[in-house]
Amino acid sequence: MKNLRRIATAGVSSGYLCIDSRTKGFAPGELIIVAATRPEMGAHVFVINMAEHIAVQEKLPVCVFLMEEGATQTSLALLRSGLPLHREGEPEAEVGATAEDGPVAAKESMVAQVGNLIIQETPGITLSELAVSSRRAAQQHGPLGLVVVDSLQLMGREASAAAEGATDHSAAAQGLKKLAMELQCPVIVMSQLKPEVERRTYKRPKMRDLRQWGALDGEADMVVFLYRDDFYYPNSVWPDVVEINFQKNPRGRTGKHPMVLVTVRVPQMVCVMVENNGDYE
């Protein structure tokens, strides 16, 4: 489904030629924010497709952290590799904390592994808990190729931040950037945008929309917005087209690129995102 040609990359390949041509790959230590107003924009499909490519084709361990209950089954349904579900953990009361990590509150987690793809579903996971699980995965499976966080707004607050009444998500983004540097792998974090975006005539997200959550763009190395014209305008000439809009890119040009949401049977019905190399404005 993806373009199988490859280009030289400075980091790990996304599996999409159009993305790699702009980014030169996702570099170690890089924080990438993928933001959209609604799930219908396709952010989860887009990111899981890339995570699967890195795990299967690049043969690198990938950790995916989900915070919505039941999200694991949704993510597993998007996988097209055909690899068996190697392990699906029962809810467990710990996340592998050690004395060096300091006190970490216990939460129930569901863990599923398909090949090199490790999916952990922990509603309200905090940054410190996520970091512990990522370090443990790196110790068990080797250097990570990617960490995915879905989503920034669903992460739990640390006890110290909660006590201080902190609400700025930029602290979490800063922590994820530090984790990316520590693990020397890219971290993709999905971010919701506030409803104000949809109340204006021009509904394409802008950088200022992301800043409503704090200085996220300052912490991120790369910022990508997703937008679907046909979601707002049923008669749009771009049905099922997802606009991938690079607003911050350290190694290439910014701007928009179209991709298409399609449903295929492999053998079950799966929604995937493929490249669209046609004209688009």
Protein backbone atom coordinates (compact mmCIF):
# COMPACT_ATOMS: atom_id res chain seq x y z
CA MET A 1 0.00 0.00 0.00
CA LYS A 2 2.86 2.34 0.69
CA ASN A 3 5.40 3.55 -1.81
CA LEU A 4 8.16 0.94 -1.56
CA ARG A 5 10.89 3.16 -2.98
CA ARG A 6 13.32 4.46 -0.41
CA ILE A 7 15.28 7.67 -0.06
CA ALA A 8 18.31 8.43 2.07
CA THR A 9 17.22 9.24 5.61
CA ALA A 10 18.98 10.80 8.58
CA GLY A 11 16.83 8.75 10.95
CA VAL A 12 14.26 5.98 10.90
CA SER A 13 12.00 5.80 7.86
CA SER A 14 8.27 6.41 8.26
CA GLY A 15 7.47 4.03 5.41
CA TYR A 16 5.97 6.87 3.36
CA LEU A 17 8.13 8.35 0.60
CA CYS A 18 6.33 11.71 0.79
CA ILE A 19 6.99 11.96 4.54
CA ASP A 20 10.62 10.82 4.31
CA SER A 21 11.30 13.27 1.48
CA ARG A 22 10.33 16.12 3.81
CA THR A 23 11.77 14.85 7.10
CA LYS A 24 14.78 12.78 5.97
CA GLY A 25 13.50 10.31 8.55
CA PHE A 26 12.72 10.70 12.24
CA ALA A 27 15.98 11.39 14.06
CA PRO A 28 17.09 9.97 17.43
CA GLY A 29 16.12 12.25 20.30
CA GLU A 30 13.44 14.02 18.28
CA LEU A 31 9.99 15.00 19.58
CA ILE A 32 7.27 15.05 16.90
CA ILE A 33 3.79 16.43 17.66
CA VAL A 34 0.94 15.23 15.44
CA ALA A 35 -2.16 17.33 16.14
CA ALA A 36 -5.76 17.36 14.92
CA THR A 37 -9.16 18.56 16.07
CA ARG A 38 -10.95 15.20 15.98
CA PRO A 39 -10.26 11.45 15.68
CA GLU A 40 -11.94 11.55 12.25
CA MET A 41 -8.93 13.48 10.91
CA GLY A 42 -7.01 10.18 10.91
CA ALA A 43 -4.11 10.94 13.26
CA HIS A 44 -4.26 7.55 14.98
CA VAL A 45 -4.34 5.66 11.67
CA PHE A 46 -1.46 7.75 10.33
CA VAL A 47 0.78 7.22 13.35
CA ILE A 48 -0.02 3.52 13.85
CA ASN A 49 0.72 2.86 10.16
CA MET A 50 4.17 4.43 10.63
CA ALA A 51 4.75 2.58 13.91
CA GLU A 52 3.93 -0.74 12.24
CA HIS A 53 6.34 -0.01 9.39
CA ILE A 54 9.18 0.77 11.80
CA ALA A 55 8.47 -2.37 13.83
CA VAL A 56 7.99 -4.76 10.88
CA GLN A 57 10.02 -3.39 7.97
CA GLU A 58 12.77 -1.58 9.87
CA LYS A 59 12.80 -4.39 12.49
CA LEU A 60 13.07 -1.99 15.43
CA PRO A 61 11.19 -2.22 18.74
CA VAL A 62 8.34 0.29 18.96
CA CYS A 63 6.42 1.23 22.12
CA VAL A 64 2.88 2.58 21.76
CA PHE A 65 1.22 4.06 24.85
CA LEU A 66 -2.56 4.38 24.73
CA MET A 67 -4.66 6.11 27.38
CA GLU A 68 -8.23 5.44 26.25
CA GLU A 69 -9.88 2.29 27.57
CA GLY A 70 -10.31 -0.22 24.75
CA ALA A 71 -7.89 1.59 22.44
CA THR A 72 -5.65 -1.49 22.19
CA GLN A 73 -8.24 -3.39 20.16
CA THR A 74 -8.66 -0.42 17.84
CA SER A 75 -4.90 -0.27 17.25
CA LEU A 76 -4.58 -4.02 16.73
CA ALA A 77 -7.35 -3.85 14.12
CA LEU A 78 -5.23 -1.38 12.10
CA LEU A 79 -2.25 -3.74 11.80
CA ARG A 80 -1.68 -5.32 8.39
CA SER A 81 1.51 -7.30 8.98
CA GLY A 82 -0.31 -10.57 9.68
CA LEU A 83 2.02 -11.33 12.59
CA PRO A 84 0.46 -13.26 15.47
CA LEU A 85 -0.42 -11.61 18.74
CA HIS A 86 2.59 -12.80 20.73
CA ARG A 87 1.51 -11.70 24.17
CA GLU A 88 -1.48 -10.00 25.67
CA GLY A 89 -0.95 -9.23 29.32
CA GLU A 90 -3.60 -9.31 32.00
CA PRO A 91 -4.02 -6.07 33.90
CA GLU A 92 -0.96 -5.68 36.07
CA ALA A 93 -0.47 -3.58 39.16
CA GLU A 94 2.98 -2.22 38.36
CA VAL A 95 4.90 -0.73 35.46
CA GLY A 96 8.37 -2.01 36.28
CA ALA A 97 9.63 0.73 38.58
CA THR A 98 13.05 0.45 40.17
CA ALA A 99 14.63 2.29 43.06
CA GLU A 100 16.43 4.55 40.60
CA ASP A 101 13.14 5.67 39.07
CA GLY A 102 11.73 6.82 42.40
CA PRO A 103 8.15 6.29 43.57
CA VAL A 104 5.69 5.58 40.80
CA ALA A 105 1.97 5.13 41.41
CA ALA A 106 0.61 1.75 40.34
CA LYS A 107 -1.99 1.60 37.59
CA GLU A 108 -3.65 -1.24 35.78
CA SER A 109 -2.08 -1.79 32.37
CA MET A 110 -2.95 -4.02 29.43
CA VAL A 111 0.03 -4.98 27.29
CA ALA A 112 -0.12 -6.57 23.83
CA GLN A 113 2.87 -7.44 21.65
CA VAL A 114 2.84 -8.15 17.93
CA GLY A 115 6.37 -8.80 16.70
CA ASN A 116 8.43 -5.74 17.59
CA LEU A 117 5.33 -3.64 18.28
CA ILE A 118 4.58 -3.31 21.99
CA ILE A 119 1.23 -1.70 22.86
CA GLN A 120 0.52 -0.65 26.44
CA GLU A 121 -2.91 0.63 27.41
CA THR A 122 -2.77 2.56 30.69
CA PRO A 123 -5.46 5.22 31.23
CA GLY A 124 -4.00 8.28 32.89
CA ILE A 125 -0.38 7.15 32.67
CA THR A 126 2.02 9.79 33.96
CA LEU A 127 5.26 10.88 32.39
CA SER A 128 7.35 9.07 35.01
CA GLU A 129 5.37 5.84 34.53
CA LEU A 130 5.70 6.08 30.77
CA ALA A 131 9.44 6.66 31.09
CA VAL A 132 9.83 3.58 33.32
CA SER A 133 7.97 1.38 30.84
CA SER A 134 9.99 2.75 27.92
CA ARG A 135 13.29 2.10 29.68
CA ARG A 136 12.19 -1.42 30.56
CA ALA A 137 11.20 -2.11 26.93
CA ALA A 138 14.62 -0.87 25.75
CA GLN A 139 16.34 -3.15 28.26
CA GLN A 140 14.28 -6.17 27.21
CA HIS A 141 14.11 -5.65 23.44
CA GLY A 142 17.07 -3.45 22.58
CA PRO A 143 17.28 0.20 21.45
CA LEU A 144 13.85 1.51 20.54
CA GLY A 145 13.04 2.72 17.05
CA LEU A 146 10.06 4.81 18.13
CA VAL A 147 7.85 5.71 21.09
CA VAL A 148 4.23 6.74 20.42
CA VAL A 149 2.04 8.55 22.95
CA ASP A 150 -1.73 8.86 22.38
CA SER A 151 -2.39 11.43 23.61
CA LEU A 152 -0.79 14.33 25.44
CA GLN A 153 -4.06 15.61 26.91
CA LEU A 154 -4.96 12.18 28.35
CA MET A 155 -1.71 11.78 30.28
CA GLY A 156 -2.04 11.86 34.05
CA ARG A 157 -0.42 14.65 36.01
CA GLU A 158 2.45 13.94 38.34
CA ALA A 159 1.56 14.21 42.02
CA SER A 160 3.79 17.27 42.46
CA ALA A 161 2.20 19.06 39.50
CA ALA A 162 -1.30 18.19 40.66
CA ALA A 163 -0.54 19.54 44.13
CA GLU A 164 0.62 22.81 42.57
CA GLY A 165 -2.46 22.97 40.34
CA ALA A 166 -0.35 22.88 37.18
CA THR A 167 -2.34 22.67 33.94
CA ASP A 168 0.28 23.56 31.35
CA HIS A 169 0.92 20.59 29.05
CA SER A 170 4.24 22.04 27.97
CA ALA A 171 5.83 20.41 31.04
CA ALA A 172 4.74 16.99 29.76
CA ALA A 173 6.05 17.82 26.29
CA GLN A 174 9.35 18.91 27.81
CA GLY A 175 9.56 15.62 29.70
CA LEU A 176 8.85 13.61 26.54
CA LYS A 177 11.61 15.51 24.74
CA LYS A 178 14.02 14.61 27.54
CA LEU A 179 12.93 10.97 27.28
CA ALA A 180 13.57 11.00 23.53
CA MET A 181 17.08 12.32 24.16
CA GLU A 182 17.71 9.76 26.89
CA LEU A 183 16.53 6.79 24.82
CA GLN A 184 18.00 8.21 21.61
CA CYS A 185 14.88 7.45 19.64
CA PRO A 186 12.12 9.63 18.16
CA VAL A 187 8.96 10.17 20.20
CA ILE A 188 5.67 10.92 18.44
CA VAL A 189 2.99 12.41 20.67
CA MET A 190 -0.55 12.99 19.43
CA SER A 191 -2.29 16.13 20.58
CA GLN A 192 -5.91 17.20 20.45
CA LEU A 193 -6.78 20.74 19.43
CA LYS A 194 -9.44 22.76 21.19
CA PRO A 195 -12.93 23.19 19.65
CA GLU A 196 -12.31 26.88 18.92
CA VAL A 197 -10.59 25.79 15.70
CA GLU A 198 -13.89 24.52 14.29
CA ARG A 199 -15.84 27.65 15.15
CA ARG A 200 -14.02 29.83 12.66
CA THR A 201 -14.43 29.94 8.90
CA TYR A 202 -10.85 28.81 8.19
CA LYS A 203 -10.72 25.44 9.93
CA ARG A 204 -7.21 24.35 9.07
CA PRO A 205 -5.16 24.21 12.29
CA LYS A 206 -2.49 26.82 12.86
CA MET A 207 0.45 26.91 15.23
CA ARG A 208 -1.38 29.30 17.53
CA ASP A 209 -4.03 26.58 18.07
CA LEU A 210 -1.38 24.27 19.48
CA ARG A 211 -0.13 27.03 21.78
CA GLN A 212 -3.48 27.02 23.58
CA TRP A 213 -2.10 24.02 25.49
CA GLY A 214 1.13 25.83 26.34
CA ALA A 215 4.46 26.28 24.58
CA LEU A 216 4.27 22.88 22.87
CA ASP A 217 5.76 24.12 19.62
CA GLY A 218 8.82 25.31 21.51
CA GLU A 219 9.46 21.84 22.94
CA ALA A 220 8.78 19.97 19.69
CA ASP A 221 11.35 19.46 16.95
CA MET A 222 8.60 18.79 14.40
CA VAL A 223 4.91 19.78 14.32
CA VAL A 224 2.40 18.18 11.94
CA PHE A 225 -1.29 19.08 11.62
CA LEU A 226 -3.94 16.84 10.05
CA TYR A 227 -7.02 18.20 8.32
CA ARG A 228 -9.89 16.71 6.28
CA ASP A 229 -11.82 19.12 4.10
CA ASP A 230 -14.62 16.62 3.43
CA PHE A 231 -15.39 16.31 7.15
CA TYR A 232 -16.58 19.94 7.22
CA TYR A 233 -17.74 20.28 3.62
CA PRO A 234 -19.62 17.21 2.27
CA ASN A 235 -19.29 18.46 -1.32
CA SER A 236 -15.52 18.87 -1.05
CA VAL A 237 -13.53 17.97 -4.17
CA TRP A 238 -11.13 16.12 -1.86
CA PRO A 239 -13.15 13.17 -0.45
CA ASP A 240 -11.22 10.97 2.01
CA VAL A 241 -8.09 13.11 1.54
CA VAL A 242 -6.12 13.81 4.72
CA GLU A 243 -3.95 16.89 4.53
CA ILE A 244 -0.60 16.32 6.25
CA ASN A 245 0.59 19.83 7.05
CA PHE A 246 4.18 20.26 8.27
CA GLN A 247 4.33 23.49 10.25
CA LYS A 248 7.73 22.89 11.86
CA ASN A 249 10.40 20.77 10.23
CA PRO A 250 14.08 20.91 11.21
CA ARG A 251 15.45 19.20 8.09
CA GLY A 252 13.19 20.12 5.22
CA ARG A 253 10.43 22.29 3.86
CA THR A 254 7.13 22.96 5.56
CA GLY A 255 3.77 22.80 3.82
CA LYS A 256 0.99 20.39 2.92
CA HIS A 257 0.91 16.93 1.39
CA PRO A 258 -2.23 14.88 0.64
CA MET A 259 -2.78 11.31 1.77
CA VAL A 260 -5.88 9.17 1.42
CA LEU A 261 -7.85 7.16 3.98
CA VAL A 262 -8.93 3.89 2.39
CA THR A 263 -10.53 0.70 3.66
CA VAL A 264 -8.99 -2.60 2.61
CA ARG A 265 -9.59 -6.26 3.49
CA VAL A 266 -6.49 -8.05 4.90
CA PRO A 267 -8.55 -10.26 5.58
CA GLN A 268 -10.62 -8.11 7.96
CA MET A 269 -11.74 -4.59 7.11
CA VAL A 270 -8.91 -2.19 7.97
CA CYS A 271 -8.67 1.57 7.55
CA VAL A 272 -5.21 2.61 6.31
CA MET A 273 -3.59 5.73 4.92
CA VAL A 274 -1.86 5.72 1.55
CA GLU A 275 0.05 8.30 -0.44
CA ASN A 276 -1.65 10.54 -2.98
CA ASN A 277 0.73 11.94 -5.55
CA GLY A 278 -1.89 13.87 -7.52
CA ASP A 279 -2.34 17.63 -7.69
CA TYR A 280 -3.44 19.20 -4.45
CA GLU A 281 -3.73 22.72 -3.13
